[in-house]
């Protein structure tokens, strides 16, 4: 075998190149508004906690937002803020 089973192994799954963080955030925001939620508050709650219950399942929003890692979403938001 030769591999120490006590070692931590890190691997990275290839990202789906078709996933567009901006598009997902817009669709999720729209679904939250349609259900009467404040999209900013709900998305911030999700980003801070990781709890998908902050995102409505309406319009497939919960499944959409979970296609991206939270750090990817934060990166997109910060990039857009800075580049403004």
PDB file of N, CA and C in Angstrom:
ATOM      1  N   UNK A   1       0.830  -1.182   0.000  1.00  0.00           N
ATOM      2  CA  UNK A   1       0.000   0.000   0.000  1.00  0.00           C
ATOM      3  C   UNK A   1       0.876   1.248   0.000  1.00  0.00           C
ATOM      4  N   UNK A   2       1.729   1.412   0.992  1.00  0.00           N
ATOM      5  CA  UNK A   2       2.672   2.511   0.999  1.00  0.00           C
ATOM      6  C   UNK A   2       2.105   3.863   1.387  1.00  0.00           C
ATOM      7  N   UNK A   3       0.805   3.998   1.520  1.00  0.00           N
ATOM      8  CA  UNK A   3       0.222   5.299   1.859  1.00  0.00           C
ATOM      9  C   UNK A   3      -0.151   5.302   3.335  1.00  0.00           C
ATOM     10  N   UNK A   4       0.242   6.353   4.024  1.00  0.00           N
ATOM     11  CA  UNK A   4      -0.083   6.490   5.435  1.00  0.00           C
ATOM     12  C   UNK A   4      -1.545   6.907   5.557  1.00  0.00           C
ATOM     13  N   UNK A   5      -2.379   6.037   6.087  1.00  0.00           N
ATOM     14  CA  UNK A   5      -3.814   6.316   6.173  1.00  0.00           C
ATOM     15  C   UNK A   5      -4.127   7.395   7.208  1.00  0.00           C
ATOM     16  N   UNK A   6      -3.159   7.804   8.001  1.00  0.00           N
ATOM     17  CA  UNK A   6      -3.380   8.860   8.976  1.00  0.00           C
ATOM     18  C   UNK A   6      -3.236  10.251   8.382  1.00  0.00           C
ATOM     19  N   UNK A   7      -2.738  10.322   7.157  1.00  0.00           N
ATOM     20  CA  UNK A   7      -2.547  11.620   6.518  1.00  0.00           C
ATOM     21  C   UNK A   7      -3.857  12.150   5.941  1.00  0.00           C
ATOM     22  N   UNK A   8      -3.978  13.451   5.947  1.00  0.00           N
ATOM     23  CA  UNK A   8      -5.130  14.084   5.325  1.00  0.00           C
ATOM     24  C   UNK A   8      -4.871  14.216   3.835  1.00  0.00           C
ATOM     25  N   UNK A   9      -5.826  13.802   3.056  1.00  0.00           N
ATOM     26  CA  UNK A   9      -5.702  13.891   1.607  1.00  0.00           C
ATOM     27  C   UNK A   9      -6.630  14.989   1.135  1.00  0.00           C
ATOM     28  N   UNK A  10      -6.097  15.891   0.338  1.00  0.00           N
ATOM     29  CA  UNK A  10      -6.897  16.996  -0.178  1.00  0.00           C
ATOM     30  C   UNK A  10      -7.065  16.813  -1.676  1.00  0.00           C
ATOM     31  N   UNK A  11      -8.286  16.948  -2.132  1.00  0.00           N
ATOM     32  CA  UNK A  11      -8.521  16.885  -3.563  1.00  0.00           C
ATOM     33  C   UNK A  11      -9.509  17.970  -3.932  1.00  0.00           C
ATOM     34  N   UNK A  12      -9.487  18.342  -5.176  1.00  0.00           N
ATOM     35  CA  UNK A  12     -10.349  19.416  -5.653  1.00  0.00           C
ATOM     36  C   UNK A  12     -11.200  18.887  -6.789  1.00  0.00           C
ATOM     37  N   UNK A  13     -12.494  19.126  -6.687  1.00  0.00           N
ATOM     38  CA  UNK A  13     -13.421  18.723  -7.730  1.00  0.00           C
ATOM     39  C   UNK A  13     -13.439  19.832  -8.780  1.00  0.00           C
ATOM     40  N   UNK A  14     -13.386  19.441 -10.026  1.00  0.00           N
ATOM     41  CA  UNK A  14     -13.441  20.428 -11.096  1.00  0.00           C
ATOM     42  C   UNK A  14     -14.773  21.166 -11.048  1.00  0.00           C
ATOM     43  N   UNK A  15     -14.697  22.479 -11.208  1.00  0.00           N
ATOM     44  CA  UNK A  15     -15.898  23.301 -11.178  1.00  0.00           C
ATOM     45  C   UNK A  15     -16.589  23.257 -12.529  1.00  0.00           C
ATOM     46  N   UNK A  16     -17.899  23.364 -12.491  1.00  0.00           N
ATOM     47  CA  UNK A  16     -18.686  23.421 -13.716  1.00  0.00           C
ATOM     48  C   UNK A  16     -18.473  24.785 -14.349  1.00  0.00           C
ATOM     49  N   UNK A  17     -17.885  24.807 -15.513  1.00  0.00           N
ATOM     50  CA  UNK A  17     -17.547  26.083 -16.147  1.00  0.00           C
ATOM     51  C   UNK A  17     -18.780  26.871 -16.562  1.00  0.00           C
ATOM     52  N   UNK A  18     -19.941  26.209 -16.597  1.00  0.00           N
ATOM     53  CA  UNK A  18     -21.163  26.890 -17.004  1.00  0.00           C
ATOM     54  C   UNK A  18     -21.810  27.664 -15.853  1.00  0.00           C
ATOM     55  N   UNK A  19     -21.316  27.473 -14.643  1.00  0.00           N
ATOM     56  CA  UNK A  19     -21.922  28.131 -13.489  1.00  0.00           C
ATOM     57  C   UNK A  19     -21.470  29.581 -13.448  1.00  0.00           C
ATOM     58  N   UNK A  20     -22.421  30.480 -13.427  1.00  0.00           N
ATOM     59  CA  UNK A  20     -22.159  31.911 -13.405  1.00  0.00           C
ATOM     60  C   UNK A  20     -22.693  32.473 -12.088  1.00  0.00           C
ATOM     61  N   UNK A  21     -21.782  32.863 -11.202  1.00  0.00           N
ATOM     62  CA  UNK A  21     -22.163  33.331  -9.866  1.00  0.00           C
ATOM     63  C   UNK A  21     -23.104  34.534  -9.941  1.00  0.00           C
ATOM     64  N   UNK A  22     -22.830  35.462 -10.827  1.00  0.00           N
ATOM     65  CA  UNK A  22     -23.678  36.656 -10.945  1.00  0.00           C
ATOM     66  C   UNK A  22     -25.100  36.270 -11.328  1.00  0.00           C
ATOM     67  N   UNK A  23     -25.224  35.386 -12.304  1.00  0.00           N
ATOM     68  CA  UNK A  23     -26.553  34.949 -12.761  1.00  0.00           C
ATOM     69  C   UNK A  23     -27.297  34.237 -11.623  1.00  0.00           C
ATOM     70  N   UNK A  24     -26.589  33.382 -10.921  1.00  0.00           N
ATOM     71  CA  UNK A  24     -27.214  32.661  -9.807  1.00  0.00           C
ATOM     72  C   UNK A  24     -27.688  33.625  -8.738  1.00  0.00           C
ATOM     73  N   UNK A  25     -26.851  34.587  -8.366  1.00  0.00           N
ATOM     74  CA  UNK A  25     -27.248  35.553  -7.337  1.00  0.00           C
ATOM     75  C   UNK A  25     -28.470  36.357  -7.775  1.00  0.00           C
ATOM     76  N   UNK A  26     -28.543  36.717  -9.033  1.00  0.00           N
ATOM     77  CA  UNK A  26     -29.703  37.471  -9.529  1.00  0.00           C
ATOM     78  C   UNK A  26     -30.968  36.618  -9.475  1.00  0.00           C
ATOM     79  N   UNK A  27     -30.853  35.369  -9.881  1.00  0.00           N
ATOM     80  CA  UNK A  27     -32.022  34.483  -9.857  1.00  0.00           C
ATOM     81  C   UNK A  27     -32.482  34.203  -8.431  1.00  0.00           C
ATOM     82  N   UNK A  28     -31.541  33.991  -7.538  1.00  0.00           N
ATOM     83  CA  UNK A  28     -31.873  33.748  -6.133  1.00  0.00           C
ATOM     84  C   UNK A  28     -32.523  34.988  -5.533  1.00  0.00           C
ATOM     85  N   UNK A  29     -31.976  36.145  -5.823  1.00  0.00           N
ATOM     86  CA  UNK A  29     -32.528  37.407  -5.328  1.00  0.00           C
ATOM     87  C   UNK A  29     -33.966  37.597  -5.808  1.00  0.00           C
ATOM     88  N   UNK A  30     -34.203  37.314  -7.063  1.00  0.00           N
ATOM     89  CA  UNK A  30     -35.553  37.443  -7.629  1.00  0.00           C
ATOM     90  C   UNK A  30     -36.533  36.511  -6.918  1.00  0.00           C
ATOM     91  N   UNK A  31     -36.119  35.264  -6.707  1.00  0.00           N
ATOM     92  CA  UNK A  31     -36.985  34.288  -6.040  1.00  0.00           C
ATOM     93  C   UNK A  31     -37.291  34.727  -4.605  1.00  0.00           C
ATOM     94  N   UNK A  32     -36.280  35.253  -3.915  1.00  0.00           N
ATOM     95  CA  UNK A  32     -36.503  35.724  -2.540  1.00  0.00           C
ATOM     96  C   UNK A  32     -37.486  36.893  -2.517  1.00  0.00           C
ATOM     97  N   UNK A  33     -37.320  37.833  -3.438  1.00  0.00           N
ATOM     98  CA  UNK A  33     -38.246  38.971  -3.520  1.00  0.00           C
ATOM     99  C   UNK A  33     -39.665  38.502  -3.805  1.00  0.00           C
ATOM    100  N   UNK A  34     -39.807  37.545  -4.725  1.00  0.00           N
ATOM    101  CA  UNK A  34     -41.135  37.022  -5.075  1.00  0.00           C
ATOM    102  C   UNK A  34     -41.829  36.406  -3.870  1.00  0.00           C
ATOM    103  N   UNK A  35     -41.056  35.853  -2.954  1.00  0.00           N
ATOM    104  CA  UNK A  35     -41.629  35.248  -1.753  1.00  0.00           C
ATOM    105  C   UNK A  35     -41.760  36.239  -0.594  1.00  0.00           C
ATOM    106  N   UNK A  36     -41.390  37.506  -0.844  1.00  0.00           N
ATOM    107  CA  UNK A  36     -41.562  38.538   0.171  1.00  0.00           C
ATOM    108  C   UNK A  36     -40.399  38.704   1.126  1.00  0.00           C
ATOM    109  N   UNK A  37     -39.263  38.105   0.825  1.00  0.00           N
ATOM    110  CA  UNK A  37     -38.088  38.226   1.677  1.00  0.00           C
ATOM    111  C   UNK A  37     -37.188  39.366   1.212  1.00  0.00           C
ATOM    112  N   UNK A  38     -36.367  39.867   2.137  1.00  0.00           N
ATOM    113  CA  UNK A  38     -35.340  40.833   1.783  1.00  0.00           C
ATOM    114  C   UNK A  38     -34.136  40.019   1.293  1.00  0.00           C
ATOM    115  N   UNK A  39     -33.834  40.098  -0.009  1.00  0.00           N
ATOM    116  CA  UNK A  39     -32.772  39.247  -0.544  1.00  0.00           C
ATOM    117  C   UNK A  39     -31.406  39.486   0.087  1.00  0.00           C
ATOM    118  N   UNK A  40     -31.089  40.723   0.412  1.00  0.00           N
ATOM    119  CA  UNK A  40     -29.788  41.028   1.019  1.00  0.00           C
ATOM    120  C   UNK A  40     -29.664  40.311   2.362  1.00  0.00           C
ATOM    121  N   UNK A  41     -30.672  40.473   3.210  1.00  0.00           N
ATOM    122  CA  UNK A  41     -30.635  39.846   4.535  1.00  0.00           C
ATOM    123  C   UNK A  41     -30.544  38.328   4.434  1.00  0.00           C
ATOM    124  N   UNK A  42     -31.304  37.745   3.531  1.00  0.00           N
ATOM    125  CA  UNK A  42     -31.333  36.294   3.416  1.00  0.00           C
ATOM    126  C   UNK A  42     -30.012  35.744   2.866  1.00  0.00           C
ATOM    127  N   UNK A  43     -29.464  36.409   1.864  1.00  0.00           N
ATOM    128  CA  UNK A  43     -28.207  35.933   1.284  1.00  0.00           C
ATOM    129  C   UNK A  43     -27.061  36.111   2.273  1.00  0.00           C
ATOM    130  N   UNK A  44     -27.044  37.222   3.002  1.00  0.00           N
ATOM    131  CA  UNK A  44     -26.017  37.415   4.030  1.00  0.00           C
ATOM    132  C   UNK A  44     -26.141  36.322   5.098  1.00  0.00           C
ATOM    133  N   UNK A  45     -27.355  36.031   5.520  1.00  0.00           N
ATOM    134  CA  UNK A  45     -27.559  34.956   6.499  1.00  0.00           C
ATOM    135  C   UNK A  45     -27.013  33.632   5.998  1.00  0.00           C
ATOM    136  N   UNK A  46     -27.272  33.335   4.736  1.00  0.00           N
ATOM    137  CA  UNK A  46     -26.757  32.096   4.139  1.00  0.00           C
ATOM    138  C   UNK A  46     -25.235  32.101   4.083  1.00  0.00           C
ATOM    139  N   UNK A  47     -24.659  33.212   3.632  1.00  0.00           N
ATOM    140  CA  UNK A  47     -23.202  33.278   3.502  1.00  0.00           C
ATOM    141  C   UNK A  47     -22.500  33.147   4.848  1.00  0.00           C
ATOM    142  N   UNK A  48     -23.065  33.747   5.886  1.00  0.00           N
ATOM    143  CA  UNK A  48     -22.448  33.696   7.211  1.00  0.00           C
ATOM    144  C   UNK A  48     -22.614  32.337   7.886  1.00  0.00           C
ATOM    145  N   UNK A  49     -23.775  31.739   7.714  1.00  0.00           N
ATOM    146  CA  UNK A  49     -24.065  30.510   8.460  1.00  0.00           C
ATOM    147  C   UNK A  49     -23.866  29.229   7.654  1.00  0.00           C
ATOM    148  N   UNK A  50     -24.031  29.323   6.347  1.00  0.00           N
ATOM    149  CA  UNK A  50     -23.987  28.124   5.525  1.00  0.00           C
ATOM    150  C   UNK A  50     -25.293  27.356   5.538  1.00  0.00           C
ATOM    151  N   UNK A  51     -26.301  27.877   6.233  1.00  0.00           N
ATOM    152  CA  UNK A  51     -27.590  27.207   6.343  1.00  0.00           C
ATOM    153  C   UNK A  51     -28.449  27.515   5.115  1.00  0.00           C
ATOM    154  N   UNK A  52     -28.722  26.519   4.278  1.00  0.00           N
ATOM    155  CA  UNK A  52     -29.506  26.764   3.070  1.00  0.00           C
ATOM    156  C   UNK A  52     -30.958  27.144   3.342  1.00  0.00           C
ATOM    157  N   UNK A  53     -31.411  27.007   4.589  1.00  0.00           N
ATOM    158  CA  UNK A  53     -32.785  27.389   4.923  1.00  0.00           C
ATOM    159  C   UNK A  53     -33.012  28.895   4.763  1.00  0.00           C
ATOM    160  N   UNK A  54     -31.944  29.679   4.708  1.00  0.00           N
ATOM    161  CA  UNK A  54     -32.090  31.116   4.464  1.00  0.00           C
ATOM    162  C   UNK A  54     -32.574  31.403   3.044  1.00  0.00           C
ATOM    163  N   UNK A  55     -32.418  30.432   2.152  1.00  0.00           N
ATOM    164  CA  UNK A  55     -32.772  30.621   0.750  1.00  0.00           C
ATOM    165  C   UNK A  55     -34.019  29.809   0.440  1.00  0.00           C
ATOM    166  N   UNK A  56     -35.004  30.467  -0.131  1.00  0.00           N
ATOM    167  CA  UNK A  56     -36.251  29.802  -0.486  1.00  0.00           C
ATOM    168  C   UNK A  56     -36.014  28.730  -1.545  1.00  0.00           C
ATOM    169  N   UNK A  57     -36.856  27.725  -1.529  1.00  0.00           N
ATOM    170  CA  UNK A  57     -36.787  26.715  -2.585  1.00  0.00           C
ATOM    171  C   UNK A  57     -37.574  27.165  -3.811  1.00  0.00           C
ATOM    172  N   UNK A  58     -38.326  28.257  -3.670  1.00  0.00           N
ATOM    173  CA  UNK A  58     -39.102  28.824  -4.777  1.00  0.00           C
ATOM    174  C   UNK A  58     -38.178  29.112  -5.961  1.00  0.00           C
ATOM    175  N   UNK A  59     -38.603  28.738  -7.137  1.00  0.00           N
ATOM    176  CA  UNK A  59     -37.817  29.000  -8.339  1.00  0.00           C
ATOM    177  C   UNK A  59     -36.495  28.256  -8.372  1.00  0.00           C
ATOM    178  N   UNK A  60     -36.395  27.182  -7.589  1.00  0.00           N
ATOM    179  CA  UNK A  60     -35.179  26.374  -7.524  1.00  0.00           C
ATOM    180  C   UNK A  60     -33.983  27.153  -6.967  1.00  0.00           C
ATOM    181  N   UNK A  61     -34.258  28.246  -6.240  1.00  0.00           N
ATOM    182  CA  UNK A  61     -33.194  29.127  -5.739  1.00  0.00           C
ATOM    183  C   UNK A  61     -32.229  28.411  -4.804  1.00  0.00           C
ATOM    184  N   UNK A  62     -32.738  27.581  -3.926  1.00  0.00           N
ATOM    185  CA  UNK A  62     -31.871  26.897  -2.960  1.00  0.00           C
ATOM    186  C   UNK A  62     -30.900  25.962  -3.672  1.00  0.00           C
ATOM    187  N   UNK A  63     -31.374  25.234  -4.641  1.00  0.00           N
ATOM    188  CA  UNK A  63     -30.488  24.345  -5.398  1.00  0.00           C
ATOM    189  C   UNK A  63     -29.487  25.138  -6.221  1.00  0.00           C
ATOM    190  N   UNK A  64     -29.917  26.255  -6.772  1.00  0.00           N
ATOM    191  CA  UNK A  64     -29.009  27.083  -7.566  1.00  0.00           C
ATOM    192  C   UNK A  64     -27.850  27.604  -6.726  1.00  0.00           C
ATOM    193  N   UNK A  65     -28.166  28.183  -5.566  1.00  0.00           N
ATOM    194  CA  UNK A  65     -27.112  28.812  -4.761  1.00  0.00           C
ATOM    195  C   UNK A  65     -26.140  27.770  -4.218  1.00  0.00           C
ATOM    196  N   UNK A  66     -26.610  26.547  -4.056  1.00  0.00           N
ATOM    197  CA  UNK A  66     -25.729  25.500  -3.538  1.00  0.00           C
ATOM    198  C   UNK A  66     -24.796  24.933  -4.608  1.00  0.00           C
ATOM    199  N   UNK A  67     -24.955  25.371  -5.848  1.00  0.00           N
ATOM    200  CA  UNK A  67     -24.038  24.962  -6.911  1.00  0.00           C
ATOM    201  C   UNK A  67     -22.683  25.629  -6.757  1.00  0.00           C
ATOM    202  N   UNK A  68     -22.642  26.703  -5.989  1.00  0.00           N
ATOM    203  CA  UNK A  68     -21.403  27.446  -5.772  1.00  0.00           C
ATOM    204  C   UNK A  68     -21.003  27.362  -4.312  1.00  0.00           C
ATOM    205  N   UNK A  69     -19.719  27.352  -4.072  1.00  0.00           N
ATOM    206  CA  UNK A  69     -19.217  27.422  -2.704  1.00  0.00           C
ATOM    207  C   UNK A  69     -19.452  28.840  -2.177  1.00  0.00           C
ATOM    208  N   UNK A  70     -19.643  28.958  -0.882  1.00  0.00           N
ATOM    209  CA  UNK A  70     -19.875  30.291  -0.306  1.00  0.00           C
ATOM    210  C   UNK A  70     -18.704  31.227  -0.560  1.00  0.00           C
ATOM    211  N   UNK A  71     -17.475  30.712  -0.537  1.00  0.00           N
ATOM    212  CA  UNK A  71     -16.330  31.582  -0.783  1.00  0.00           C
ATOM    213  C   UNK A  71     -16.338  32.091  -2.229  1.00  0.00           C
ATOM    214  N   UNK A  72     -16.851  31.307  -3.155  1.00  0.00           N
ATOM    215  CA  UNK A  72     -16.967  31.762  -4.541  1.00  0.00           C
ATOM    216  C   UNK A  72     -17.980  32.900  -4.650  1.00  0.00           C
ATOM    217  N   UNK A  73     -19.073  32.769  -3.919  1.00  0.00           N
ATOM    218  CA  UNK A  73     -20.086  33.828  -3.919  1.00  0.00           C
ATOM    219  C   UNK A  73     -19.530  35.107  -3.307  1.00  0.00           C
ATOM    220  N   UNK A  74     -18.822  34.979  -2.191  1.00  0.00           N
ATOM    221  CA  UNK A  74     -18.223  36.157  -1.553  1.00  0.00           C
ATOM    222  C   UNK A  74     -17.199  36.817  -2.472  1.00  0.00           C
ATOM    223  N   UNK A  75     -16.423  36.008  -3.151  1.00  0.00           N
ATOM    224  CA  UNK A  75     -15.432  36.533  -4.084  1.00  0.00           C
ATOM    225  C   UNK A  75     -16.109  37.333  -5.197  1.00  0.00           C
ATOM    226  N   UNK A  76     -17.192  36.808  -5.737  1.00  0.00           N
ATOM    227  CA  UNK A  76     -17.929  37.501  -6.798  1.00  0.00           C
ATOM    228  C   UNK A  76     -18.503  38.819  -6.291  1.00  0.00           C
ATOM    229  N   UNK A  77     -19.082  38.787  -5.098  1.00  0.00           N
ATOM    230  CA  UNK A  77     -19.657  40.009  -4.522  1.00  0.00           C
ATOM    231  C   UNK A  77     -18.593  41.066  -4.277  1.00  0.00           C
ATOM    232  N   UNK A  78     -17.465  40.667  -3.695  1.00  0.00           N
ATOM    233  CA  UNK A  78     -16.398  41.610  -3.401  1.00  0.00           C
ATOM    234  C   UNK A  78     -15.784  42.162  -4.684  1.00  0.00           C
ATOM    235  N   UNK A  79     -15.582  41.299  -5.653  1.00  0.00           N
ATOM    236  CA  UNK A  79     -15.023  41.730  -6.935  1.00  0.00           C
ATOM    237  C   UNK A  79     -15.918  42.796  -7.579  1.00  0.00           C
ATOM    238  N   UNK A  80     -17.221  42.560  -7.571  1.00  0.00           N
ATOM    239  CA  UNK A  80     -18.148  43.521  -8.160  1.00  0.00           C
ATOM    240  C   UNK A  80     -18.201  44.824  -7.366  1.00  0.00           C
ATOM    241  N   UNK A  81     -18.074  44.734  -6.060  1.00  0.00           N
ATOM    242  CA  UNK A  81     -18.071  45.938  -5.238  1.00  0.00           C
ATOM    243  C   UNK A  81     -16.844  46.792  -5.524  1.00  0.00           C
ATOM    244  N   UNK A  82     -15.677  46.162  -5.570  1.00  0.00           N
ATOM    245  CA  UNK A  82     -14.431  46.885  -5.791  1.00  0.00           C
ATOM    246  C   UNK A  82     -14.361  47.454  -7.194  1.00  0.00           C
ATOM    247  N   UNK A  83     -14.763  46.659  -8.173  1.00  0.00           N
ATOM    248  CA  UNK A  83     -14.705  47.116  -9.556  1.00  0.00           C
ATOM    249  C   UNK A  83     -15.829  48.087  -9.883  1.00  0.00           C
ATOM    250  N   UNK A  84     -16.876  48.038  -9.039  1.00  0.00           N
ATOM    251  CA  UNK A  84     -18.036  48.881  -9.086  1.00  0.00           C
ATOM    252  C   UNK A  84     -18.436  49.477 -10.331  1.00  0.00           C
TER     253      UNK A  84
END
